[in-house]
Amino acid sequence: MTARIQGAAGRDKPGPKSRETEMMVRARRALCLVLGMLSLSLLLVVLGVYTTTRTESLNVTGYTSGVILTLGSFLGLLGLRLEENRKQLLTAAIVFLSFGIITSFLCLVIDGVCIAINMDMRPLTAGRCQYYSSGGGYIYENFYTSVSCWNLKESCTMTVRSGTCYCCDLYNCANGGYLSNFYEFVGVESCEEVFTLYILIWTLAGLNLLAFFTGIVTTAVLGSIKGMSP
């Protein structure tokens, strides 16, 4: 009777082999999560840089979080694959991922709230915006012209640069547009491209939201593996 109880107790107690197996299973799951985080971070960088270069009028910040999260994911990948200095690599990965999580939230606020929500697309949808191109005979950066703007309340003259989509309905003649620059989009090839830019900014904000929650989960998983490492 006593021997049976001792045998059952011996089977319930996890041995070194079961601990090592559990560690391998957790590391494999964490590897899939880190690879997903790395792919998402690289997508943020590519999409963010592409969106930023579409126009000079908007300062999109969404790629910043992607850069930090990419570095953190890469360090986490090294920590999971290498036995030497595993704790140090995982600690560094957790630190960078934590900074990336904070940055992704800030980028979400800046791009999604401060930019995308303030972009009034109604004049563009109604076809009330115009595109000015100087043609091939002028240097893009140095050619400006004055255009007449009028609405129901006032009329004035606005200076636009070549390669600009501008909306007089959004231009405030009283302050000359100094309080908001969402009435013109410099560097676009047409006013239709502004719609693409609008969609890209919202997509970038959505990816940053996804990166925020994925980063939290990845950081927690890497922290549990770091605690199990010898």
C-alpha atoms as a PDB file:
ATOM      1  CA  MET A   1       0.000   0.000   0.000  1.00  0.00           C
ATOM      2  CA  THR A   2       2.789   2.398   0.968  1.00  0.00           C
ATOM      3  CA  ALA A   3       4.756   1.470  -2.149  1.00  0.00           C
ATOM      4  CA  ARG A   4       1.755   2.307  -4.344  1.00  0.00           C
ATOM      5  CA  ILE A   5       1.360   5.744  -2.743  1.00  0.00           C
ATOM      6  CA  GLN A   6       5.064   6.488  -3.169  1.00  0.00           C
ATOM      7  CA  GLY A   7       4.897   5.374  -6.812  1.00  0.00           C
ATOM      8  CA  ALA A   8       1.924   7.645  -7.516  1.00  0.00           C
ATOM      9  CA  ALA A   9       3.699  10.554  -5.833  1.00  0.00           C
ATOM     10  CA  GLY A  10       6.777   9.898  -7.957  1.00  0.00           C
ATOM     11  CA  ARG A  11       4.707   9.983 -11.132  1.00  0.00           C
ATOM     12  CA  ASP A  12       2.985  13.271 -10.182  1.00  0.00           C
ATOM     13  CA  LYS A  13       6.261  15.066  -9.503  1.00  0.00           C
ATOM     14  CA  PRO A  14       7.605  16.624 -12.740  1.00  0.00           C
ATOM     15  CA  GLY A  15      11.106  15.516 -13.535  1.00  0.00           C
ATOM     16  CA  PRO A  16      13.888  17.263 -15.450  1.00  0.00           C
ATOM     17  CA  LYS A  17      12.750  15.706 -18.732  1.00  0.00           C
ATOM     18  CA  SER A  18       9.153  16.980 -18.392  1.00  0.00           C
ATOM     19  CA  ARG A  19      10.437  20.479 -17.511  1.00  0.00           C
ATOM     20  CA  GLU A  20      12.681  20.449 -20.552  1.00  0.00           C
ATOM     21  CA  THR A  21       9.781  19.314 -22.753  1.00  0.00           C
ATOM     22  CA  GLU A  22       7.564  22.083 -21.407  1.00  0.00           C
ATOM     23  CA  MET A  23      10.343  24.584 -22.083  1.00  0.00           C
ATOM     24  CA  MET A  24      10.635  23.379 -25.689  1.00  0.00           C
ATOM     25  CA  VAL A  25       6.875  23.623 -26.246  1.00  0.00           C
ATOM     26  CA  ARG A  26       6.752  27.145 -24.836  1.00  0.00           C
ATOM     27  CA  ALA A  27       9.770  28.196 -26.867  1.00  0.00           C
ATOM     28  CA  ARG A  28       8.165  26.841 -30.054  1.00  0.00           C
ATOM     29  CA  ARG A  29       4.962  28.754 -29.398  1.00  0.00           C
ATOM     30  CA  ALA A  30       6.902  31.882 -28.526  1.00  0.00           C
ATOM     31  CA  LEU A  31       8.901  31.520 -31.741  1.00  0.00           C
ATOM     32  CA  CYS A  32       5.712  31.565 -33.830  1.00  0.00           C
ATOM     33  CA  LEU A  33       4.495  34.616 -31.907  1.00  0.00           C
ATOM     34  CA  VAL A  34       7.798  36.472 -32.311  1.00  0.00           C
ATOM     35  CA  LEU A  35       7.888  35.698 -36.040  1.00  0.00           C
ATOM     36  CA  GLY A  36       4.363  37.103 -36.362  1.00  0.00           C
ATOM     37  CA  MET A  37       5.424  40.188 -34.405  1.00  0.00           C
ATOM     38  CA  LEU A  38       8.464  40.606 -36.660  1.00  0.00           C
ATOM     39  CA  SER A  39       6.326  40.353 -39.807  1.00  0.00           C
ATOM     40  CA  LEU A  40       3.855  42.892 -38.438  1.00  0.00           C
ATOM     41  CA  SER A  41       6.695  45.258 -37.486  1.00  0.00           C
ATOM     42  CA  LEU A  42       8.273  45.062 -40.934  1.00  0.00           C
ATOM     43  CA  LEU A  43       4.885  45.719 -42.514  1.00  0.00           C
ATOM     44  CA  LEU A  44       4.541  48.806 -40.313  1.00  0.00           C
ATOM     45  CA  VAL A  45       7.942  50.082 -41.444  1.00  0.00           C
ATOM     46  CA  VAL A  46       7.281  49.521 -45.157  1.00  0.00           C
ATOM     47  CA  LEU A  47       3.747  50.913 -45.123  1.00  0.00           C
ATOM     48  CA  GLY A  48       4.730  53.831 -42.885  1.00  0.00           C
ATOM     49  CA  VAL A  49       7.657  54.909 -45.049  1.00  0.00           C
ATOM     50  CA  TYR A  50       5.556  54.568 -48.197  1.00  0.00           C
ATOM     51  CA  THR A  51       2.753  56.682 -46.700  1.00  0.00           C
ATOM     52  CA  THR A  52       5.171  59.343 -45.453  1.00  0.00           C
ATOM     53  CA  THR A  53       6.713  59.810 -48.895  1.00  0.00           C
ATOM     54  CA  ARG A  54       3.337  60.250 -50.634  1.00  0.00           C
ATOM     55  CA  THR A  55       2.946  63.897 -49.569  1.00  0.00           C
ATOM     56  CA  GLU A  56       4.908  66.632 -47.815  1.00  0.00           C
ATOM     57  CA  SER A  57       1.859  68.096 -46.092  1.00  0.00           C
ATOM     58  CA  LEU A  58       1.380  65.327 -43.505  1.00  0.00           C
ATOM     59  CA  ASN A  59       3.898  64.046 -40.979  1.00  0.00           C
ATOM     60  CA  VAL A  60       2.992  60.383 -40.556  1.00  0.00           C
ATOM     61  CA  THR A  61       4.718  58.720 -37.595  1.00  0.00           C
ATOM     62  CA  GLY A  62       3.399  55.158 -37.848  1.00  0.00           C
ATOM     63  CA  TYR A  63       6.672  53.622 -39.019  1.00  0.00           C
ATOM     64  CA  THR A  64       8.523  54.689 -35.837  1.00  0.00           C
ATOM     65  CA  SER A  65       6.917  51.974 -33.732  1.00  0.00           C
ATOM     66  CA  GLY A  66       7.679  49.441 -36.471  1.00  0.00           C
ATOM     67  CA  VAL A  67      11.406  50.182 -36.276  1.00  0.00           C
ATOM     68  CA  ILE A  68      11.528  49.676 -32.493  1.00  0.00           C
ATOM     69  CA  LEU A  69       9.330  46.584 -32.568  1.00  0.00           C
ATOM     70  CA  THR A  70      11.417  45.083 -35.378  1.00  0.00           C
ATOM     71  CA  LEU A  71      14.560  45.406 -33.265  1.00  0.00           C
ATOM     72  CA  GLY A  72      12.818  43.930 -30.233  1.00  0.00           C
ATOM     73  CA  SER A  73      11.419  41.026 -32.245  1.00  0.00           C
ATOM     74  CA  PHE A  74      14.813  40.301 -33.765  1.00  0.00           C
ATOM     75  CA  LEU A  75      16.442  40.212 -30.330  1.00  0.00           C
ATOM     76  CA  GLY A  76      13.657  37.939 -29.093  1.00  0.00           C
ATOM     77  CA  LEU A  77      14.240  35.646 -32.055  1.00  0.00           C
ATOM     78  CA  LEU A  78      17.924  35.438 -31.227  1.00  0.00           C
ATOM     79  CA  GLY A  79      17.143  34.784 -27.563  1.00  0.00           C
ATOM     80  CA  LEU A  80      14.873  31.880 -28.451  1.00  0.00           C
ATOM     81  CA  ARG A  81      17.294  30.280 -30.910  1.00  0.00           C
ATOM     82  CA  LEU A  82      20.575  30.738 -29.060  1.00  0.00           C
ATOM     83  CA  GLU A  83      21.452  28.987 -25.814  1.00  0.00           C
ATOM     84  CA  GLU A  84      24.274  31.361 -24.898  1.00  0.00           C
ATOM     85  CA  ASN A  85      23.288  34.695 -23.331  1.00  0.00           C
ATOM     86  CA  ARG A  86      19.615  33.757 -23.625  1.00  0.00           C
ATOM     87  CA  LYS A  87      18.554  35.713 -20.559  1.00  0.00           C
ATOM     88  CA  GLN A  88      20.400  38.860 -21.674  1.00  0.00           C
ATOM     89  CA  LEU A  89      18.932  38.704 -25.172  1.00  0.00           C
ATOM     90  CA  LEU A  90      15.409  38.118 -23.911  1.00  0.00           C
ATOM     91  CA  THR A  91      15.770  40.966 -21.408  1.00  0.00           C
ATOM     92  CA  ALA A  92      16.893  43.328 -24.176  1.00  0.00           C
ATOM     93  CA  ALA A  93      14.024  42.117 -26.381  1.00  0.00           C
ATOM     94  CA  ILE A  94      11.485  42.785 -23.615  1.00  0.00           C
ATOM     95  CA  VAL A  95      12.874  46.305 -23.095  1.00  0.00           C
ATOM     96  CA  PHE A  96      12.678  47.200 -26.806  1.00  0.00           C
ATOM     97  CA  LEU A  97       9.236  45.621 -27.171  1.00  0.00           C
ATOM     98  CA  SER A  98       8.018  47.625 -24.182  1.00  0.00           C
ATOM     99  CA  PHE A  99       9.236  50.859 -25.771  1.00  0.00           C
ATOM    100  CA  GLY A 100       7.661  49.736 -29.048  1.00  0.00           C
ATOM    101  CA  ILE A 101       4.309  49.149 -27.347  1.00  0.00           C
ATOM    102  CA  ILE A 102       4.318  52.687 -25.935  1.00  0.00           C
ATOM    103  CA  THR A 103       5.385  54.118 -29.307  1.00  0.00           C
ATOM    104  CA  SER A 104       2.696  52.199 -31.188  1.00  0.00           C
ATOM    105  CA  PHE A 105       0.047  53.703 -28.904  1.00  0.00           C
ATOM    106  CA  LEU A 106       1.438  57.209 -29.468  1.00  0.00           C
ATOM    107  CA  CYS A 107       1.559  56.624 -33.241  1.00  0.00           C
ATOM    108  CA  LEU A 108      -2.033  55.411 -33.104  1.00  0.00           C
ATOM    109  CA  VAL A 109      -3.087  58.641 -31.393  1.00  0.00           C
ATOM    110  CA  ILE A 110      -1.070  60.898 -33.724  1.00  0.00           C
ATOM    111  CA  ASP A 111      -1.959  59.220 -37.014  1.00  0.00           C
ATOM    112  CA  GLY A 112      -5.471  58.035 -36.241  1.00  0.00           C
ATOM    113  CA  VAL A 113      -6.787  60.879 -34.104  1.00  0.00           C
ATOM    114  CA  CYS A 114      -4.720  63.952 -34.942  1.00  0.00           C
ATOM    115  CA  ILE A 115      -4.397  63.372 -38.693  1.00  0.00           C
ATOM    116  CA  ALA A 116      -6.998  60.996 -40.122  1.00  0.00           C
ATOM    117  CA  ILE A 117      -9.957  62.335 -38.120  1.00  0.00           C
ATOM    118  CA  ASN A 118      -9.030  65.942 -38.963  1.00  0.00           C
ATOM    119  CA  MET A 119      -8.859  65.190 -42.692  1.00  0.00           C
ATOM    120  CA  ASP A 120     -12.219  66.345 -44.071  1.00  0.00           C
ATOM    121  CA  MET A 121     -12.851  64.220 -47.151  1.00  0.00           C
ATOM    122  CA  ARG A 122     -16.243  65.731 -48.033  1.00  0.00           C
ATOM    123  CA  PRO A 123     -14.909  68.309 -50.542  1.00  0.00           C
ATOM    124  CA  LEU A 124     -12.853  65.594 -52.222  1.00  0.00           C
ATOM    125  CA  THR A 125     -15.835  63.270 -52.359  1.00  0.00           C
ATOM    126  CA  ALA A 126     -17.957  66.035 -53.859  1.00  0.00           C
ATOM    127  CA  GLY A 127     -15.293  66.810 -56.452  1.00  0.00           C
ATOM    128  CA  ARG A 128     -14.766  70.369 -55.187  1.00  0.00           C
ATOM    129  CA  CYS A 129     -10.966  70.109 -54.919  1.00  0.00           C
ATOM    130  CA  GLN A 130      -8.588  71.046 -57.733  1.00  0.00           C
ATOM    131  CA  TYR A 131      -5.202  69.755 -58.750  1.00  0.00           C
ATOM    132  CA  TYR A 132      -2.521  72.162 -59.911  1.00  0.00           C
ATOM    133  CA  SER A 133       0.387  70.995 -62.041  1.00  0.00           C
ATOM    134  CA  SER A 134       2.856  73.396 -63.583  1.00  0.00           C
ATOM    135  CA  GLY A 135       3.608  71.042 -66.476  1.00  0.00           C
ATOM    136  CA  GLY A 136       6.960  69.689 -67.571  1.00  0.00           C
ATOM    137  CA  GLY A 137       8.528  73.052 -68.322  1.00  0.00           C
ATOM    138  CA  TYR A 138       9.028  74.147 -64.708  1.00  0.00           C
ATOM    139  CA  ILE A 139      11.065  72.951 -61.778  1.00  0.00           C
ATOM    140  CA  TYR A 140       8.736  71.283 -59.289  1.00  0.00           C
ATOM    141  CA  GLU A 141      10.175  72.710 -56.084  1.00  0.00           C
ATOM    142  CA  ASN A 142      10.417  76.343 -57.214  1.00  0.00           C
ATOM    143  CA  PHE A 143       7.212  77.037 -59.090  1.00  0.00           C
ATOM    144  CA  TYR A 144       4.311  78.646 -57.242  1.00  0.00           C
ATOM    145  CA  THR A 145       1.156  80.310 -58.460  1.00  0.00           C
ATOM    146  CA  SER A 146      -1.789  82.204 -56.999  1.00  0.00           C
ATOM    147  CA  VAL A 147      -5.295  80.788 -57.340  1.00  0.00           C
ATOM    148  CA  SER A 148      -8.604  82.331 -56.421  1.00  0.00           C
ATOM    149  CA  CYS A 149     -10.613  80.696 -53.661  1.00  0.00           C
ATOM    150  CA  TRP A 150     -14.182  81.483 -52.765  1.00  0.00           C
ATOM    151  CA  ASN A 151     -16.933  79.955 -50.706  1.00  0.00           C
ATOM    152  CA  LEU A 152     -20.273  81.039 -49.264  1.00  0.00           C
ATOM    153  CA  LYS A 153     -18.684  83.371 -46.708  1.00  0.00           C
ATOM    154  CA  GLU A 154     -15.583  84.907 -48.289  1.00  0.00           C
ATOM    155  CA  SER A 155     -13.170  84.918 -51.204  1.00  0.00           C
ATOM    156  CA  CYS A 156      -9.417  85.342 -51.319  1.00  0.00           C
ATOM    157  CA  THR A 157      -6.239  84.350 -53.118  1.00  0.00           C
ATOM    158  CA  MET A 158      -4.197  81.300 -52.125  1.00  0.00           C
ATOM    159  CA  THR A 159      -0.643  80.461 -53.154  1.00  0.00           C
ATOM    160  CA  VAL A 160      -0.117  76.836 -54.148  1.00  0.00           C
ATOM    161  CA  ARG A 161       2.894  74.912 -55.340  1.00  0.00           C
ATOM    162  CA  SER A 162       3.005  72.738 -58.404  1.00  0.00           C
ATOM    163  CA  GLY A 163       1.913  69.154 -57.847  1.00  0.00           C
ATOM    164  CA  THR A 164      -0.678  70.104 -55.221  1.00  0.00           C
ATOM    165  CA  CYS A 165      -4.268  69.069 -54.627  1.00  0.00           C
ATOM    166  CA  TYR A 166      -6.017  71.940 -52.827  1.00  0.00           C
ATOM    167  CA  CYS A 167      -9.525  72.441 -51.460  1.00  0.00           C
ATOM    168  CA  CYS A 168     -10.813  76.005 -51.198  1.00  0.00           C
ATOM    169  CA  ASP A 169     -13.718  74.820 -49.035  1.00  0.00           C
ATOM    170  CA  LEU A 170     -11.221  73.940 -46.287  1.00  0.00           C
ATOM    171  CA  TYR A 171      -9.063  77.045 -46.641  1.00  0.00           C
ATOM    172  CA  ASN A 172      -9.542  79.795 -44.055  1.00  0.00           C
ATOM    173  CA  CYS A 173      -8.946  83.125 -45.758  1.00  0.00           C
ATOM    174  CA  ALA A 174      -8.866  84.983 -42.431  1.00  0.00           C
ATOM    175  CA  ASN A 175      -5.733  83.280 -41.085  1.00  0.00           C
ATOM    176  CA  GLY A 176      -4.221  82.167 -44.388  1.00  0.00           C
ATOM    177  CA  GLY A 177      -4.429  78.499 -43.474  1.00  0.00           C
ATOM    178  CA  TYR A 178      -1.847  78.796 -40.686  1.00  0.00           C
ATOM    179  CA  LEU A 179      -3.992  76.952 -38.153  1.00  0.00           C
ATOM    180  CA  SER A 180      -4.488  73.888 -40.363  1.00  0.00           C
ATOM    181  CA  ASN A 181      -2.688  72.484 -43.395  1.00  0.00           C
ATOM    182  CA  PHE A 182      -5.303  69.885 -44.286  1.00  0.00           C
ATOM    183  CA  TYR A 183      -6.613  72.014 -47.156  1.00  0.00           C
ATOM    184  CA  GLU A 184      -3.707  71.096 -49.466  1.00  0.00           C
ATOM    185  CA  PHE A 185      -1.646  68.001 -50.206  1.00  0.00           C
ATOM    186  CA  VAL A 186       1.709  68.771 -51.770  1.00  0.00           C
ATOM    187  CA  GLY A 187       3.506  66.140 -53.826  1.00  0.00           C
ATOM    188  CA  VAL A 188       0.549  63.987 -54.840  1.00  0.00           C
ATOM    189  CA  GLU A 189       0.014  63.074 -58.470  1.00  0.00           C
ATOM    190  CA  SER A 190      -3.739  63.723 -58.409  1.00  0.00           C
ATOM    191  CA  CYS A 191      -6.571  64.464 -56.006  1.00  0.00           C
ATOM    192  CA  GLU A 192      -7.626  60.824 -56.259  1.00  0.00           C
ATOM    193  CA  GLU A 193      -4.333  59.878 -54.605  1.00  0.00           C
ATOM    194  CA  VAL A 194      -5.474  61.699 -51.465  1.00  0.00           C
ATOM    195  CA  PHE A 195      -8.159  59.024 -51.015  1.00  0.00           C
ATOM    196  CA  THR A 196      -5.435  56.364 -51.157  1.00  0.00           C
ATOM    197  CA  LEU A 197      -3.413  58.354 -48.640  1.00  0.00           C
ATOM    198  CA  TYR A 198      -6.416  58.563 -46.322  1.00  0.00           C
ATOM    199  CA  ILE A 199      -6.927  54.786 -46.470  1.00  0.00           C
ATOM    200  CA  LEU A 200      -3.210  54.169 -45.876  1.00  0.00           C
ATOM    201  CA  ILE A 201      -3.210  56.347 -42.751  1.00  0.00           C
ATOM    202  CA  TRP A 202      -6.185  54.483 -41.291  1.00  0.00           C
ATOM    203  CA  THR A 203      -4.574  51.155 -42.212  1.00  0.00           C
ATOM    204  CA  LEU A 204      -1.398  52.258 -40.466  1.00  0.00           C
ATOM    205  CA  ALA A 205      -3.391  53.230 -37.375  1.00  0.00           C
ATOM    206  CA  GLY A 206      -5.106  49.830 -37.371  1.00  0.00           C
ATOM    207  CA  LEU A 207      -1.778  48.031 -37.670  1.00  0.00           C
ATOM    208  CA  ASN A 208      -0.408  50.045 -34.760  1.00  0.00           C
ATOM    209  CA  LEU A 209      -3.423  49.030 -32.683  1.00  0.00           C
ATOM    210  CA  LEU A 210      -2.785  45.390 -33.584  1.00  0.00           C
ATOM    211  CA  ALA A 211       0.924  45.807 -32.801  1.00  0.00           C
ATOM    212  CA  PHE A 212       0.010  47.301 -29.406  1.00  0.00           C
ATOM    213  CA  PHE A 213      -1.889  44.202 -28.246  1.00  0.00           C
ATOM    214  CA  THR A 214       0.412  41.714 -29.993  1.00  0.00           C
ATOM    215  CA  GLY A 215       3.425  43.376 -28.403  1.00  0.00           C
ATOM    216  CA  ILE A 216       1.900  43.035 -24.937  1.00  0.00           C
ATOM    217  CA  VAL A 217       1.277  39.308 -25.462  1.00  0.00           C
ATOM    218  CA  THR A 218       4.747  38.759 -26.945  1.00  0.00           C
ATOM    219  CA  THR A 219       6.426  40.573 -24.062  1.00  0.00           C
ATOM    220  CA  ALA A 220       4.527  38.467 -21.504  1.00  0.00           C
ATOM    221  CA  VAL A 221       5.448  35.198 -23.250  1.00  0.00           C
ATOM    222  CA  LEU A 222       9.118  36.129 -23.539  1.00  0.00           C
ATOM    223  CA  GLY A 223       9.112  37.125 -19.865  1.00  0.00           C
ATOM    224  CA  SER A 224       7.786  33.709 -18.824  1.00  0.00           C
ATOM    225  CA  ILE A 225      10.453  31.949 -20.913  1.00  0.00           C
ATOM    226  CA  LYS A 226      13.162  34.166 -19.447  1.00  0.00           C
ATOM    227  CA  GLY A 227      12.008  33.150 -15.970  1.00  0.00           C
ATOM    228  CA  MET A 228      12.320  29.443 -16.901  1.00  0.00           C
ATOM    229  CA  SER A 229      15.800  29.822 -18.390  1.00  0.00           C
ATOM    230  CA  PRO A 230      18.644  28.503 -16.210  1.00  0.00           C
END
